[in-house]
Amino acid sequence: MASYSGGILGMLGFVKSPGAPVPHRKSTKDMETVDMPAPAVVTIPMSMHIGAPCTPKVKPGDQVFVGQLIGDSDAFVSAPIHSSVSGTVKKVDAMLSFGGTYTPCIVIESDGKQTPDPSICPPKVKSEEDLIKAIRDSGLVGLGGAGFPAHVKLNPAADVKKKIDTLIINGAECEPYLTADVREMLEDSWDIISGIQTVSKLLDVDETIIGIEDNKPEAITVIQELAEKNDGITIRVKELPARYPQGAEKVLIKQCTGREVPPGKLPADVGVIVMNVTSVGFLARYLKTGMPLTTKRVTVDGSAVAEPKNVRVCIGTPVKDVIAFCGGYKGEPSKLLYGGPMMGTPIYSDEQPILKNTNGILAFDRAEAQSLEPSACIRCGRCVNACPMNLMPTMFEKYTAAEKIDELKRLNIMTCMECGCCAYVCPANRRLVQSIRIGKTLVRNSGK
């Protein structure tokens, strides 16, 4: 497949340069984070992470405090959930999520006092086991958008852990519009360094690499200066080309170390653990304060937002409240997204809540949200040239339509990370990512 993209596309005059030159549109990069007051009501889903959903630990009428445990699971791959406000549990009920499934949610009416849970205190960490337990108790998941429980990622099996020699901190933030991570690097830089020291010692790594795109020069300078002042561990800042999807885990590993993660394998299999820059910053703060994950910094932007901002909000806050805090809508919104425009998820209503892994809320007017009608594939090869995983999106579309499971597997459809580069560069506006998602579902359901 690699030779196909290099040979055929080379004859067509293409140079293999994976990814897409998407516009950055980082209009909020210089806007300091603003704290939004607690809303009147929060709706906190029991599934805001990859893995098993939590079981509610409170019932209607219960009084709760900020940071109090309200949901948990016995499953290994899961993460506890805490109240983001103080007040009274209004109801516990299954509600329709943005993904179209019904999810148990806890609705809490705020008393406006934001009283912390009296039992909260910094965790006592005297061993590696204590640290892993503390990370789990914090409710930390991947804050870059993936939502994978951090205590699972940072506690690999002993045979795998022996291979790990490098910690990569993802500060690329390659999605257009989003600037929450760059604000973390500028506003909470010491927390990032402190968190890196903790995780580096836990994993016993030789080197930590912080990958930052070159369109964030202020962040590069600040983090570089602190990395040089760091005492005891090796921290290197890697300046990355500002090309989407630079922040994708496998792309970042290749850029920072030269190592390639084989299909079906994990970063740990090539000796690497990757953490988001905000995740490692939060970990440092939790170890100092004991306050679990109850708030999230979110970039609010888009053509339908009156006053774009970076806002720190309580998890569970309705999107409509966040938009109102940013001056409300500027005209009629035609599309709302969790996250960025490339990999973000459309949400059907602004009643949906802010989640743990929500790093952006984008609202677009009709002109910017208008979908282009697809036309016939012209076999130009641009999708293949853009794919950072050296896959063949146009063939995935063909075999998905024909339901040829064996061919989809042969071409490694499950390796696709759905970054959207193929659809972005397609001159025929083919619905390539949607086809790939359907193809993946066919493979999963086939049992092959």
Protein backbone atom coordinates (compact mmCIF):
# COMPACT_ATOMS: atom_id res chain seq x y z
CA MET A 1 0.00 0.00 0.00
CA ALA A 2 2.84 2.38 0.81
CA SER A 3 4.47 1.62 -2.55
CA TYR A 4 1.12 2.23 -4.28
CA SER A 5 0.79 5.72 -2.80
CA GLY A 6 4.44 6.52 -3.45
CA GLY A 7 4.63 5.06 -6.97
CA ILE A 8 1.31 5.89 -8.64
CA LEU A 9 0.94 9.24 -6.90
CA GLY A 10 4.53 10.07 -7.72
CA MET A 11 3.79 9.57 -11.41
CA LEU A 12 0.77 11.85 -11.01
CA GLY A 13 3.01 14.57 -9.65
CA PHE A 14 2.09 14.19 -5.97
CA VAL A 15 4.65 14.24 -3.17
CA LYS A 16 3.67 12.08 -0.22
CA SER A 17 2.93 14.52 2.59
CA PRO A 18 0.47 12.88 4.97
CA GLY A 19 -2.29 14.93 6.46
CA ALA A 20 -4.07 18.04 5.31
CA PRO A 21 -3.19 21.77 5.36
CA VAL A 22 -6.37 22.77 7.20
CA PRO A 23 -6.79 26.43 8.20
CA HIS A 24 -5.84 27.01 11.83
CA ARG A 25 -8.36 29.69 12.82
CA LYS A 26 -6.94 29.95 16.35
CA SER A 27 -8.65 33.26 17.10
CA THR A 28 -8.85 32.55 20.87
CA LYS A 29 -5.19 31.61 21.38
CA ASP A 30 -4.40 34.88 23.18
CA MET A 31 -7.58 34.88 25.29
CA GLU A 32 -6.95 33.96 28.91
CA THR A 33 -9.30 31.40 30.42
CA VAL A 34 -12.39 32.86 32.06
CA ASP A 35 -14.16 31.05 34.92
CA MET A 36 -17.86 30.62 34.28
CA PRO A 37 -20.10 30.64 37.39
CA ALA A 38 -21.80 27.38 38.27
CA PRO A 39 -25.04 26.91 36.33
CA ALA A 40 -28.42 26.43 37.96
CA VAL A 41 -28.51 22.76 36.93
CA VAL A 42 -25.93 20.24 35.72
CA THR A 43 -26.58 16.96 33.95
CA ILE A 44 -23.75 14.50 34.53
CA PRO A 45 -23.71 11.36 32.35
CA MET A 46 -22.42 8.13 33.87
CA SER A 47 -20.43 7.41 30.74
CA MET A 48 -17.83 10.05 29.86
CA HIS A 49 -14.99 7.67 29.12
CA ILE A 50 -13.99 4.64 27.09
CA GLY A 51 -15.01 1.53 29.00
CA ALA A 52 -17.80 0.46 31.32
CA PRO A 53 -20.33 3.11 32.39
CA CYS A 54 -20.59 4.01 36.06
CA THR A 55 -23.43 3.13 38.41
CA PRO A 56 -25.03 6.10 40.17
CA LYS A 57 -24.10 6.29 43.86
CA VAL A 58 -26.68 8.93 44.80
CA LYS A 59 -30.47 9.15 44.60
CA PRO A 60 -33.01 11.94 44.15
CA GLY A 61 -33.15 14.22 47.17
CA ASP A 62 -29.53 13.59 48.25
CA GLN A 63 -27.38 16.59 49.07
CA VAL A 64 -24.02 16.59 47.27
CA PHE A 65 -20.84 18.65 47.36
CA VAL A 66 -18.24 19.65 44.78
CA GLY A 67 -15.89 16.72 44.22
CA GLN A 68 -18.16 14.14 45.86
CA LEU A 69 -18.20 10.70 44.25
CA ILE A 70 -21.56 10.20 42.51
CA GLY A 71 -20.79 7.37 40.07
CA ASP A 72 -18.40 4.42 39.96
CA SER A 73 -17.85 0.98 38.47
CA ASP A 74 -16.06 -2.22 39.47
CA ALA A 75 -14.79 -2.64 35.91
CA PHE A 76 -11.07 -2.17 35.36
CA VAL A 77 -11.56 0.02 32.27
CA SER A 78 -13.74 2.75 33.69
CA ALA A 79 -13.35 5.99 35.65
CA PRO A 80 -15.28 7.35 38.65
CA ILE A 81 -17.43 10.45 38.27
CA HIS A 82 -17.79 13.33 40.73
CA SER A 83 -20.24 16.14 41.27
CA SER A 84 -19.18 19.45 39.77
CA VAL A 85 -21.54 21.53 41.94
CA SER A 86 -22.95 21.52 45.45
CA GLY A 87 -26.69 21.16 45.72
CA THR A 88 -29.46 18.58 45.56
CA VAL A 89 -29.89 15.59 43.26
CA LYS A 90 -33.00 16.36 41.24
CA LYS A 91 -33.29 13.07 39.37
CA VAL A 92 -31.40 10.02 38.16
CA ASP A 93 -32.62 8.91 34.77
CA ALA A 94 -31.57 7.59 31.37
CA MET A 95 -31.29 10.38 28.82
CA LEU A 96 -30.57 10.51 25.12
CA SER A 97 -26.88 11.25 24.61
CA PHE A 98 -25.22 13.04 21.69
CA GLY A 99 -24.29 9.61 20.31
CA GLY A 100 -27.92 8.58 19.98
CA THR A 101 -27.93 6.09 22.87
CA TYR A 102 -29.61 6.33 26.24
CA THR A 103 -27.17 6.92 29.08
CA PRO A 104 -27.84 7.09 32.84
CA CYS A 105 -27.46 10.70 34.00
CA ILE A 106 -27.55 12.46 37.36
CA VAL A 107 -29.26 15.85 37.33
CA ILE A 108 -28.17 18.14 40.17
CA GLU A 109 -29.76 21.45 41.12
CA SER A 110 -27.01 23.82 42.28
CA ASP A 111 -27.32 25.73 45.55
CA GLY A 112 -24.91 28.35 44.18
CA LYS A 113 -22.45 27.87 47.05
CA GLN A 114 -19.95 25.51 45.40
CA THR A 115 -19.16 23.90 48.75
CA PRO A 116 -16.33 21.36 48.44
CA ASP A 117 -16.75 17.84 49.76
CA PRO A 118 -15.42 18.01 53.36
CA SER A 119 -13.57 14.72 52.90
CA ILE A 120 -11.36 16.06 50.09
CA CYS A 121 -7.65 16.24 50.84
CA PRO A 122 -4.45 15.60 48.86
CA PRO A 123 -3.87 11.85 48.41
CA LYS A 124 -1.12 10.18 50.40
CA VAL A 125 1.22 8.67 47.84
CA LYS A 126 4.05 6.52 49.16
CA SER A 127 4.24 3.85 46.47
CA GLU A 128 3.51 3.19 42.83
CA GLU A 129 0.28 1.44 43.85
CA ASP A 130 -0.78 4.52 45.82
CA LEU A 131 -0.17 6.71 42.80
CA ILE A 132 -2.19 4.51 40.43
CA LYS A 133 -5.03 4.45 42.97
CA ALA A 134 -4.86 8.24 43.29
CA ILE A 135 -5.02 8.66 39.52
CA ARG A 136 -8.10 6.45 39.40
CA ASP A 137 -9.73 8.24 42.32
CA SER A 138 -9.24 11.56 40.52
CA GLY A 139 -11.54 10.46 37.69
CA LEU A 140 -8.90 11.43 35.12
CA VAL A 141 -9.43 10.36 31.53
CA GLY A 142 -7.68 11.49 28.37
CA LEU A 143 -8.60 15.17 28.17
CA GLY A 144 -7.50 15.60 24.59
CA GLY A 145 -10.77 14.05 23.45
CA ALA A 146 -10.24 10.28 23.61
CA GLY A 147 -11.51 9.83 27.17
CA PHE A 148 -9.45 6.71 27.96
CA PRO A 149 -9.09 6.12 31.73
CA ALA A 150 -5.64 7.40 32.77
CA HIS A 151 -5.04 4.83 35.50
CA VAL A 152 -5.30 2.06 32.89
CA LYS A 153 -2.94 3.74 30.43
CA LEU A 154 -0.36 4.46 33.13
CA ASN A 155 -0.47 0.96 34.60
CA PRO A 156 0.47 -1.39 31.75
CA ALA A 157 1.27 -5.05 32.29
CA ALA A 158 4.75 -5.69 33.69
CA ASP A 159 6.10 -7.18 30.45
CA VAL A 160 4.85 -4.19 28.46
CA LYS A 161 6.11 -1.65 30.99
CA LYS A 162 9.65 -3.00 30.59
CA LYS A 163 9.60 -1.81 26.96
CA ILE A 164 8.52 1.75 27.75
CA ASP A 165 11.39 4.24 27.60
CA THR A 166 9.69 7.40 26.34
CA LEU A 167 6.83 9.57 27.57
CA ILE A 168 5.31 11.85 24.92
CA ILE A 169 3.20 14.81 26.00
CA ASN A 170 0.77 15.86 23.29
CA GLY A 171 0.63 19.63 23.00
CA ALA A 172 0.02 19.67 19.25
CA GLU A 173 -3.66 20.72 19.34
CA CYS A 174 -3.90 20.44 15.57
CA GLU A 175 -7.70 20.85 15.23
CA PRO A 176 -8.81 24.20 13.83
CA TYR A 177 -10.34 26.67 16.34
CA LEU A 178 -9.34 24.79 19.51
CA THR A 179 -6.92 26.58 21.86
CA ALA A 180 -7.71 25.03 25.26
CA ASP A 181 -4.43 23.10 25.33
CA VAL A 182 -2.30 26.08 24.34
CA ARG A 183 -3.90 28.04 27.19
CA GLU A 184 -2.97 25.16 29.53
CA MET A 185 0.64 25.50 28.40
CA LEU A 186 0.67 29.26 28.88
CA GLU A 187 -1.37 29.49 32.08
CA ASP A 188 -0.48 26.25 33.93
CA SER A 189 2.99 25.49 32.64
CA TRP A 190 4.49 24.60 36.04
CA ASP A 191 1.70 22.08 36.61
CA ILE A 192 2.64 20.41 33.32
CA ILE A 193 6.28 20.07 34.36
CA SER A 194 5.28 18.79 37.81
CA GLY A 195 2.90 16.24 36.30
CA ILE A 196 5.60 15.08 33.89
CA GLN A 197 8.00 14.53 36.78
CA THR A 198 5.42 12.36 38.54
CA VAL A 199 4.52 10.26 35.50
CA SER A 200 8.17 9.92 34.41
CA LYS A 201 9.10 8.46 37.78
CA LEU A 202 6.06 6.17 37.73
CA LEU A 203 6.98 4.75 34.31
CA ASP A 204 10.75 4.98 34.89
CA VAL A 205 11.27 6.45 31.41
CA ASP A 206 14.54 7.70 29.99
CA GLU A 207 13.13 10.73 28.21
CA THR A 208 10.02 12.90 27.97
CA ILE A 209 9.21 14.67 24.70
CA ILE A 210 6.67 17.49 24.58
CA GLY A 211 5.35 17.84 21.03
CA ILE A 212 4.05 21.33 20.15
CA GLU A 213 3.13 22.60 16.68
CA ASP A 214 5.18 25.51 15.37
CA ASN A 215 2.11 27.76 15.16
CA LYS A 216 2.29 28.09 18.96
CA PRO A 217 5.63 29.88 19.43
CA GLU A 218 4.70 31.44 22.80
CA ALA A 219 3.89 28.03 24.25
CA ILE A 220 7.09 26.54 22.84
CA THR A 221 9.15 29.28 24.49
CA VAL A 222 7.47 29.00 27.88
CA ILE A 223 7.62 25.20 28.06
CA GLN A 224 11.20 25.11 26.72
CA GLU A 225 12.39 27.49 29.44
CA LEU A 226 10.75 25.43 32.19
CA ALA A 227 12.00 22.16 30.73
CA GLU A 228 15.57 23.49 30.90
CA LYS A 229 15.07 24.51 34.55
CA ASN A 230 13.70 21.07 35.40
CA ASP A 231 15.95 19.08 37.70
CA GLY A 232 16.35 15.32 37.59
CA ILE A 233 14.66 14.09 34.39
CA THR A 234 15.22 14.70 30.70
CA ILE A 235 12.49 16.79 29.08
CA ARG A 236 12.80 17.79 25.44
CA VAL A 237 10.48 20.08 23.48
CA LYS A 238 9.88 18.94 19.92
CA GLU A 239 8.70 21.63 17.51
CA LEU A 240 6.29 20.02 15.06
CA PRO A 241 5.08 21.18 11.64
CA ALA A 242 1.59 22.68 11.91
CA ARG A 243 -0.13 20.13 9.73
CA TYR A 244 -3.29 18.22 10.62
CA PRO A 245 -3.48 15.57 12.19
CA GLN A 246 -0.17 16.17 13.94
CA GLY A 247 -1.73 15.41 17.34
CA ALA A 248 -2.95 11.93 16.39
CA GLU A 249 -1.19 9.44 18.64
CA LYS A 250 0.54 7.35 15.97
CA VAL A 251 1.48 10.41 13.90
CA LEU A 252 2.90 12.12 16.98
CA ILE A 253 4.97 9.07 17.90
CA LYS A 254 6.42 8.90 14.39
CA GLN A 255 7.28 12.62 14.41
CA CYS A 256 8.83 12.59 17.89
CA THR A 257 10.69 9.26 17.90
CA GLY A 258 10.73 7.89 14.35
CA ARG A 259 8.97 4.75 15.59
CA GLU A 260 5.94 3.31 13.80
CA VAL A 261 3.12 1.63 15.67
CA PRO A 262 2.12 -1.47 13.64
CA PRO A 263 -1.56 -2.10 12.80
CA GLY A 264 -3.39 -3.59 15.76
CA LYS A 265 -0.68 -2.56 18.23
CA LEU A 266 -0.57 0.11 20.92
CA PRO A 267 2.02 2.86 21.59
CA ALA A 268 3.32 0.85 24.56
CA ASP A 269 4.30 -1.92 22.13
CA VAL A 270 6.94 0.42 20.66
CA GLY A 271 8.07 1.71 24.04
CA VAL A 272 5.96 4.87 24.26
CA ILE A 273 3.17 6.27 26.44
CA VAL A 274 1.32 9.35 25.19
CA MET A 275 -0.53 11.79 27.45
CA ASN A 276 -2.39 14.97 26.62
CA VAL A 277 -0.82 18.15 27.99
CA THR A 278 -3.96 19.11 29.94
CA SER A 279 -4.22 15.61 31.41
CA VAL A 280 -0.72 15.76 32.88
CA GLY A 281 -1.33 19.30 34.18
CA PHE A 282 -4.54 18.22 35.89
CA LEU A 283 -2.76 15.27 37.54
CA ALA A 284 -0.28 17.63 39.18
CA ARG A 285 -3.09 19.80 40.52
CA TYR A 286 -4.99 16.81 41.87
CA LEU A 287 -1.97 15.51 43.77
CA LYS A 288 -1.62 18.95 45.40
CA THR A 289 -5.28 19.59 46.22
CA GLY A 290 -7.19 16.31 46.13
CA MET A 291 -9.96 17.92 44.05
CA PRO A 292 -11.04 15.41 41.39
CA LEU A 293 -11.98 16.21 37.81
CA THR A 294 -15.01 18.49 38.07
CA THR A 295 -14.25 21.33 35.63
CA LYS A 296 -13.00 21.58 32.07
CA ARG A 297 -11.39 24.33 30.01
CA VAL A 298 -13.36 24.64 26.76
CA THR A 299 -12.79 26.75 23.64
CA VAL A 300 -16.07 28.31 22.49
CA ASP A 301 -15.88 29.60 18.93
CA GLY A 302 -17.43 29.54 15.48
CA SER A 303 -19.28 31.90 13.16
CA ALA A 304 -22.49 31.67 15.23
CA VAL A 305 -20.85 32.61 18.57
CA ALA A 306 -21.07 36.29 19.55
CA GLU A 307 -18.02 36.39 21.87
CA PRO A 308 -15.55 33.50 21.40
CA LYS A 309 -13.72 32.62 24.61
CA ASN A 310 -11.72 30.03 26.48
CA VAL A 311 -13.94 29.14 29.42
CA ARG A 312 -13.48 26.95 32.48
CA VAL A 313 -16.86 25.35 33.16
CA CYS A 314 -18.39 22.81 35.53
CA ILE A 315 -18.71 19.39 33.93
CA GLY A 316 -22.38 18.80 33.19
CA THR A 317 -23.12 22.44 32.30
CA PRO A 318 -25.61 22.67 29.40
CA VAL A 319 -24.02 23.86 26.18
CA LYS A 320 -26.68 26.58 25.91
CA ASP A 321 -25.50 28.08 29.21
CA VAL A 322 -21.90 28.14 27.99
CA ILE A 323 -22.96 29.82 24.74
CA ALA A 324 -24.99 32.37 26.72
CA PHE A 325 -21.90 33.13 28.83
CA CYS A 326 -20.10 33.84 25.55
CA GLY A 327 -22.63 36.45 24.47
CA GLY A 328 -25.17 34.05 23.01
CA TYR A 329 -25.66 33.16 19.38
CA LYS A 330 -24.79 35.55 16.58
CA GLY A 331 -27.54 34.66 14.15
CA GLU A 332 -29.19 31.28 13.83
CA PRO A 333 -26.82 28.35 14.54
CA SER A 334 -26.97 25.64 11.90
CA LYS A 335 -24.51 23.17 13.42
CA LEU A 336 -23.12 22.54 16.91
CA LEU A 337 -20.03 20.44 17.56
CA TYR A 338 -18.25 18.90 20.51
CA GLY A 339 -14.58 19.37 19.62
CA GLY A 340 -13.04 20.60 16.38
CA PRO A 341 -14.43 20.61 12.83
CA MET A 342 -12.30 17.69 11.63
CA MET A 343 -13.01 15.02 14.26
CA GLY A 344 -15.63 16.74 16.37
CA THR A 345 -19.03 15.20 17.05
CA PRO A 346 -22.25 16.97 16.01
CA ILE A 347 -24.74 17.48 18.82
CA TYR A 348 -28.45 17.64 18.14
CA SER A 349 -29.32 20.07 20.93
CA ASP A 350 -27.63 22.72 23.05
CA GLU A 351 -29.26 21.07 26.06
CA GLN A 352 -26.42 18.51 25.90
CA PRO A 353 -23.87 18.83 28.75
CA ILE A 354 -20.15 19.55 28.83
CA LEU A 355 -18.31 16.24 29.27
CA LYS A 356 -14.93 15.40 30.79
CA ASN A 357 -13.30 15.20 27.38
CA THR A 358 -15.06 18.21 25.82
CA ASN A 359 -12.26 20.54 24.71
CA GLY A 360 -14.34 22.72 22.42
CA ILE A 361 -17.85 23.85 21.57
CA LEU A 362 -18.20 25.19 18.04
CA ALA A 363 -21.34 26.80 16.63
CA PHE A 364 -21.56 27.58 12.91
CA ASP A 365 -24.08 29.56 10.91
CA ARG A 366 -25.78 28.18 7.80
CA ALA A 367 -23.17 29.53 5.38
CA GLU A 368 -20.27 27.73 7.08
CA ALA A 369 -22.20 24.58 7.99
CA GLN A 370 -23.58 23.92 4.51
CA SER A 371 -22.68 20.46 3.22
CA LEU A 372 -21.40 20.11 -0.33
CA GLU A 373 -23.08 17.54 -2.55
CA PRO A 374 -20.86 14.59 -3.51
CA SER A 375 -20.11 13.76 -7.12
CA ALA A 376 -18.47 10.76 -8.76
CA CYS A 377 -14.97 9.78 -7.67
CA ILE A 378 -12.44 11.00 -10.26
CA ARG A 379 -9.69 8.61 -9.05
CA CYS A 380 -7.25 11.44 -8.40
CA GLY A 381 -5.56 9.71 -5.46
CA ARG A 382 -5.59 12.76 -3.20
CA CYS A 383 -7.26 10.80 -0.38
CA VAL A 384 -4.51 8.20 -0.46
CA ASN A 385 -1.83 10.88 -0.51
CA ALA A 386 -3.37 12.64 2.50
CA CYS A 387 -3.95 9.58 4.68
CA PRO A 388 -1.46 9.65 7.59
CA MET A 389 -1.81 5.87 7.97
CA ASN A 390 -1.07 5.06 4.30
CA LEU A 391 -4.53 3.61 3.75
CA MET A 392 -6.82 3.65 0.69
CA PRO A 393 -10.03 5.47 1.63
CA THR A 394 -11.59 5.27 -1.83
CA MET A 395 -11.29 1.48 -1.78
CA PHE A 396 -12.84 1.37 1.68
CA GLU A 397 -15.82 3.26 0.29
CA LYS A 398 -16.12 0.82 -2.61
CA TYR A 399 -15.87 -2.34 -0.51
CA THR A 400 -18.18 -0.96 2.18
CA ALA A 401 -20.89 -0.37 -0.41
CA ALA A 402 -20.41 -3.94 -1.65
CA GLU A 403 -20.16 -5.29 1.95
CA LYS A 404 -16.92 -7.11 1.13
CA ILE A 405 -15.71 -7.77 4.66
CA ASP A 406 -12.58 -9.73 3.72
CA GLU A 407 -11.37 -6.93 1.45
CA LEU A 408 -11.98 -4.31 4.13
CA LYS A 409 -9.92 -6.36 6.57
CA ARG A 410 -7.18 -6.99 4.00
CA LEU A 411 -6.79 -3.25 3.50
CA ASN A 412 -6.64 -2.66 7.29
CA ILE A 413 -9.78 -0.56 7.64
CA MET A 414 -9.62 -0.85 11.44
CA THR A 415 -6.32 1.09 11.38
CA CYS A 416 -8.17 4.19 10.18
CA MET A 417 -8.44 6.80 12.94
CA GLU A 418 -11.23 8.72 11.15
CA CYS A 419 -9.21 11.94 11.09
CA GLY A 420 -11.11 13.20 8.05
CA CYS A 421 -8.10 14.16 5.92
CA CYS A 422 -9.37 12.06 3.03
CA ALA A 423 -12.77 13.75 2.96
CA TYR A 424 -11.22 17.19 3.41
CA VAL A 425 -8.98 16.92 0.33
CA CYS A 426 -11.52 15.09 -1.89
CA PRO A 427 -12.47 17.33 -4.86
CA ALA A 428 -15.60 15.21 -5.39
CA ASN A 429 -16.79 15.77 -1.79
CA ARG A 430 -17.18 12.00 -1.23
CA ARG A 431 -18.51 10.96 2.19
CA LEU A 432 -15.38 8.91 2.87
CA VAL A 433 -15.30 9.03 6.67
CA GLN A 434 -18.96 8.06 6.93
CA SER A 435 -18.32 5.10 4.61
CA ILE A 436 -15.32 4.03 6.66
CA ARG A 437 -17.33 4.12 9.87
CA ILE A 438 -19.98 1.93 8.28
CA GLY A 439 -17.26 -0.39 7.01
CA LYS A 440 -15.76 -0.72 10.48
CA THR A 441 -19.18 -1.60 11.86
CA LEU A 442 -19.56 -4.28 9.17
CA VAL A 443 -16.21 -5.78 10.18
CA ARG A 444 -17.05 -5.71 13.90
CA ASN A 445 -20.44 -7.27 13.37
CA SER A 446 -19.09 -9.95 11.03
CA GLY A 447 -17.28 -11.77 13.84
CA LYS A 448 -14.38 -12.48 11.47
